[in-house]
PDB file of N, CA and C in Angstrom:
ATOM      1  N   UNK A   1      16.649   4.969  14.021  1.00  0.00           N
ATOM      2  CA  UNK A   1      15.827   4.430  12.977  1.00  0.00           C
ATOM      3  C   UNK A   1      14.715   5.409  12.624  1.00  0.00           C
ATOM      4  N   UNK A   2      14.177   6.029  13.636  1.00  0.00           N
ATOM      5  CA  UNK A   2      13.127   7.017  13.399  1.00  0.00           C
ATOM      6  C   UNK A   2      13.650   8.149  12.512  1.00  0.00           C
ATOM      7  N   UNK A   3      14.834   8.634  12.813  1.00  0.00           N
ATOM      8  CA  UNK A   3      15.395   9.741  12.034  1.00  0.00           C
ATOM      9  C   UNK A   3      15.660   9.341  10.595  1.00  0.00           C
ATOM     10  N   UNK A   4      16.158   8.135  10.384  1.00  0.00           N
ATOM     11  CA  UNK A   4      16.413   7.681   9.020  1.00  0.00           C
ATOM     12  C   UNK A   4      15.122   7.595   8.209  1.00  0.00           C
ATOM     13  N   UNK A   5      14.087   7.058   8.822  1.00  0.00           N
ATOM     14  CA  UNK A   5      12.803   6.943   8.123  1.00  0.00           C
ATOM     15  C   UNK A   5      12.182   8.313   7.884  1.00  0.00           C
ATOM     16  N   UNK A   6      12.215   9.174   8.883  1.00  0.00           N
ATOM     17  CA  UNK A   6      11.639  10.521   8.726  1.00  0.00           C
ATOM     18  C   UNK A   6      12.339  11.291   7.618  1.00  0.00           C
ATOM     19  N   UNK A   7      13.644  11.111   7.476  1.00  0.00           N
ATOM     20  CA  UNK A   7      14.393  11.796   6.423  1.00  0.00           C
ATOM     21  C   UNK A   7      13.916  11.374   5.035  1.00  0.00           C
ATOM     22  N   UNK A   8      13.358  10.173   4.938  1.00  0.00           N
ATOM     23  CA  UNK A   8      12.843   9.676   3.663  1.00  0.00           C
ATOM     24  C   UNK A   8      11.332   9.825   3.536  1.00  0.00           C
ATOM     25  N   UNK A   9      10.718  10.506   4.518  1.00  0.00           N
ATOM     26  CA  UNK A   9       9.285  10.760   4.451  1.00  0.00           C
ATOM     27  C   UNK A   9       8.417   9.638   4.992  1.00  0.00           C
ATOM     28  N   UNK A  10       9.010   8.729   5.757  1.00  0.00           N
ATOM     29  CA  UNK A  10       8.255   7.616   6.331  1.00  0.00           C
ATOM     30  C   UNK A  10       8.097   7.859   7.828  1.00  0.00           C
ATOM     31  N   UNK A  11       6.855   7.961   8.273  1.00  0.00           N
ATOM     32  CA  UNK A  11       6.580   8.174   9.689  1.00  0.00           C
ATOM     33  C   UNK A  11       6.116   6.859  10.305  1.00  0.00           C
ATOM     34  N   UNK A  12       6.458   6.668  11.570  1.00  0.00           N
ATOM     35  CA  UNK A  12       6.050   5.448  12.248  1.00  0.00           C
ATOM     36  C   UNK A  12       5.866   5.694  13.732  1.00  0.00           C
ATOM     37  N   UNK A  13       5.358   4.680  14.398  1.00  0.00           N
ATOM     38  CA  UNK A  13       5.116   4.811  15.840  1.00  0.00           C
ATOM     39  C   UNK A  13       6.361   4.390  16.618  1.00  0.00           C
ATOM     40  N   UNK A  14       6.414   4.814  17.856  1.00  0.00           N
ATOM     41  CA  UNK A  14       7.547   4.471  18.720  1.00  0.00           C
ATOM     42  C   UNK A  14       7.621   2.957  18.931  1.00  0.00           C
ATOM     43  N   UNK A  15       6.489   2.310  19.062  1.00  0.00           N
ATOM     44  CA  UNK A  15       6.466   0.861  19.271  1.00  0.00           C
ATOM     45  C   UNK A  15       7.000   0.131  18.041  1.00  0.00           C
ATOM     46  N   UNK A  16       6.616   0.579  16.856  1.00  0.00           N
ATOM     47  CA  UNK A  16       7.129  -0.041  15.633  1.00  0.00           C
ATOM     48  C   UNK A  16       8.645   0.072  15.557  1.00  0.00           C
ATOM     49  N   UNK A  17       9.178   1.238  15.898  1.00  0.00           N
ATOM     50  CA  UNK A  17      10.625   1.412  15.829  1.00  0.00           C
ATOM     51  C   UNK A  17      11.338   0.650  16.936  1.00  0.00           C
ATOM     52  N   UNK A  18      10.682   0.436  18.052  1.00  0.00           N
ATOM     53  CA  UNK A  18      11.250  -0.400  19.105  1.00  0.00           C
ATOM     54  C   UNK A  18      11.357  -1.846  18.628  1.00  0.00           C
ATOM     55  N   UNK A  19      10.338  -2.320  17.949  1.00  0.00           N
ATOM     56  CA  UNK A  19      10.362  -3.667  17.371  1.00  0.00           C
ATOM     57  C   UNK A  19      11.472  -3.770  16.332  1.00  0.00           C
ATOM     58  N   UNK A  20      11.590  -2.765  15.475  1.00  0.00           N
ATOM     59  CA  UNK A  20      12.646  -2.755  14.453  1.00  0.00           C
ATOM     60  C   UNK A  20      14.033  -2.775  15.083  1.00  0.00           C
ATOM     61  N   UNK A  21      14.233  -1.972  16.095  1.00  0.00           N
ATOM     62  CA  UNK A  21      15.542  -1.886  16.750  1.00  0.00           C
ATOM     63  C   UNK A  21      15.908  -3.199  17.432  1.00  0.00           C
ATOM     64  N   UNK A  22      14.963  -3.804  18.130  1.00  0.00           N
ATOM     65  CA  UNK A  22      15.238  -5.070  18.810  1.00  0.00           C
ATOM     66  C   UNK A  22      15.547  -6.173  17.805  1.00  0.00           C
ATOM     67  N   UNK A  23      14.772  -6.244  16.733  1.00  0.00           N
ATOM     68  CA  UNK A  23      14.991  -7.268  15.713  1.00  0.00           C
ATOM     69  C   UNK A  23      16.330  -7.063  15.013  1.00  0.00           C
ATOM     70  N   UNK A  24      16.656  -5.844  14.693  1.00  0.00           N
ATOM     71  CA  UNK A  24      17.930  -5.557  14.024  1.00  0.00           C
ATOM     72  C   UNK A  24      19.113  -5.904  14.919  1.00  0.00           C
ATOM     73  N   UNK A  25      19.055  -5.502  16.164  1.00  0.00           N
ATOM     74  CA  UNK A  25      20.156  -5.742  17.104  1.00  0.00           C
ATOM     75  C   UNK A  25      20.390  -7.236  17.333  1.00  0.00           C
ATOM     76  N   UNK A  26      19.316  -8.011  17.363  1.00  0.00           N
ATOM     77  CA  UNK A  26      19.442  -9.440  17.649  1.00  0.00           C
ATOM     78  C   UNK A  26      19.522 -10.311  16.393  1.00  0.00           C
ATOM     79  N   UNK A  27      19.349  -9.683  15.209  1.00  0.00           N
ATOM     80  CA  UNK A  27      19.414 -10.443  13.965  1.00  0.00           C
ATOM     81  C   UNK A  27      18.174 -11.265  13.692  1.00  0.00           C
ATOM     82  N   UNK A  28      17.050 -10.825  14.236  1.00  0.00           N
ATOM     83  CA  UNK A  28      15.795 -11.541  14.079  1.00  0.00           C
ATOM     84  C   UNK A  28      15.072 -11.105  12.812  1.00  0.00           C
ATOM     85  N   UNK A  29      14.198 -11.966  12.335  1.00  0.00           N
ATOM     86  CA  UNK A  29      13.284 -11.659  11.246  1.00  0.00           C
ATOM     87  C   UNK A  29      11.955 -11.229  11.861  1.00  0.00           C
ATOM     88  N   UNK A  30      11.354 -10.201  11.306  1.00  0.00           N
ATOM     89  CA  UNK A  30      10.069  -9.710  11.815  1.00  0.00           C
ATOM     90  C   UNK A  30       8.947 -10.394  11.038  1.00  0.00           C
ATOM     91  N   UNK A  31       8.080 -11.064  11.763  1.00  0.00           N
ATOM     92  CA  UNK A  31       6.907 -11.715  11.184  1.00  0.00           C
ATOM     93  C   UNK A  31       5.735 -10.755  11.337  1.00  0.00           C
ATOM     94  N   UNK A  32       5.246 -10.242  10.222  1.00  0.00           N
ATOM     95  CA  UNK A  32       4.184  -9.241  10.286  1.00  0.00           C
ATOM     96  C   UNK A  32       3.354  -9.233   9.011  1.00  0.00           C
ATOM     97  N   UNK A  33       2.133  -8.757   9.142  1.00  0.00           N
ATOM     98  CA  UNK A  33       1.281  -8.490   7.982  1.00  0.00           C
ATOM     99  C   UNK A  33       1.047  -6.993   7.838  1.00  0.00           C
ATOM    100  N   UNK A  34       1.663  -6.219   8.714  1.00  0.00           N
ATOM    101  CA  UNK A  34       1.534  -4.765   8.718  1.00  0.00           C
ATOM    102  C   UNK A  34       2.391  -4.171   7.597  1.00  0.00           C
ATOM    103  N   UNK A  35       1.784  -3.459   6.696  1.00  0.00           N
ATOM    104  CA  UNK A  35       2.513  -2.889   5.549  1.00  0.00           C
ATOM    105  C   UNK A  35       3.495  -1.793   5.941  1.00  0.00           C
ATOM    106  N   UNK A  36       3.328  -1.214   7.117  1.00  0.00           N
ATOM    107  CA  UNK A  36       4.270  -0.196   7.573  1.00  0.00           C
ATOM    108  C   UNK A  36       5.681  -0.755   7.657  1.00  0.00           C
ATOM    109  N   UNK A  37       5.826  -2.007   8.046  1.00  0.00           N
ATOM    110  CA  UNK A  37       7.147  -2.605   8.173  1.00  0.00           C
ATOM    111  C   UNK A  37       7.829  -2.773   6.815  1.00  0.00           C
ATOM    112  N   UNK A  38       7.057  -2.934   5.767  1.00  0.00           N
ATOM    113  CA  UNK A  38       7.639  -2.970   4.418  1.00  0.00           C
ATOM    114  C   UNK A  38       8.240  -1.617   4.077  1.00  0.00           C
ATOM    115  N   UNK A  39       7.566  -0.545   4.480  1.00  0.00           N
ATOM    116  CA  UNK A  39       8.109   0.794   4.263  1.00  0.00           C
ATOM    117  C   UNK A  39       9.398   0.994   5.052  1.00  0.00           C
ATOM    118  N   UNK A  40       9.406   0.554   6.317  1.00  0.00           N
ATOM    119  CA  UNK A  40      10.605   0.692   7.139  1.00  0.00           C
ATOM    120  C   UNK A  40      11.761  -0.102   6.540  1.00  0.00           C
ATOM    121  N   UNK A  41      11.461  -1.299   6.032  1.00  0.00           N
ATOM    122  CA  UNK A  41      12.507  -2.157   5.478  1.00  0.00           C
ATOM    123  C   UNK A  41      13.102  -1.581   4.205  1.00  0.00           C
ATOM    124  N   UNK A  42      12.401  -0.684   3.531  1.00  0.00           N
ATOM    125  CA  UNK A  42      12.963  -0.050   2.334  1.00  0.00           C
ATOM    126  C   UNK A  42      14.071   0.926   2.703  1.00  0.00           C
ATOM    127  N   UNK A  43      14.110   1.353   3.963  1.00  0.00           N
ATOM    128  CA  UNK A  43      15.121   2.298   4.433  1.00  0.00           C
ATOM    129  C   UNK A  43      16.087   1.646   5.419  1.00  0.00           C
ATOM    130  N   UNK A  44      15.582   0.762   6.238  1.00  0.00           N
ATOM    131  CA  UNK A  44      16.359   0.151   7.313  1.00  0.00           C
ATOM    132  C   UNK A  44      16.795  -1.262   6.957  1.00  0.00           C
ATOM    133  N   UNK A  45      17.889  -1.725   7.550  1.00  0.00           N
ATOM    134  CA  UNK A  45      18.346  -3.109   7.275  1.00  0.00           C
ATOM    135  C   UNK A  45      17.545  -4.130   8.083  1.00  0.00           C
ATOM    136  N   UNK A  46      16.332  -4.411   7.646  1.00  0.00           N
ATOM    137  CA  UNK A  46      15.453  -5.345   8.346  1.00  0.00           C
ATOM    138  C   UNK A  46      15.185  -6.555   7.481  1.00  0.00           C
ATOM    139  N   UNK A  47      14.916  -7.667   8.153  1.00  0.00           N
ATOM    140  CA  UNK A  47      14.476  -8.875   7.451  1.00  0.00           C
ATOM    141  C   UNK A  47      13.027  -9.113   7.820  1.00  0.00           C
ATOM    142  N   UNK A  48      12.192  -9.250   6.812  1.00  0.00           N
ATOM    143  CA  UNK A  48      10.754  -9.478   7.040  1.00  0.00           C
ATOM    144  C   UNK A  48      10.368 -10.843   6.509  1.00  0.00           C
ATOM    145  N   UNK A  49       9.370 -11.425   7.163  1.00  0.00           N
ATOM    146  CA  UNK A  49       8.814 -12.703   6.718  1.00  0.00           C
ATOM    147  C   UNK A  49       7.349 -12.497   6.438  1.00  0.00           C
TER     148      UNK A  49
END
């Protein structure tokens, strides 16, 4: 996930990508107010609430 985002110019923290990976693998929706996750979701198959 980190590589996909970096290729599109989006940088993130290891913890953020760990959250993304766990949510994606388990099919969970991420509940957040952090705008970084909106950037990640533009590249990654994530569901945000």
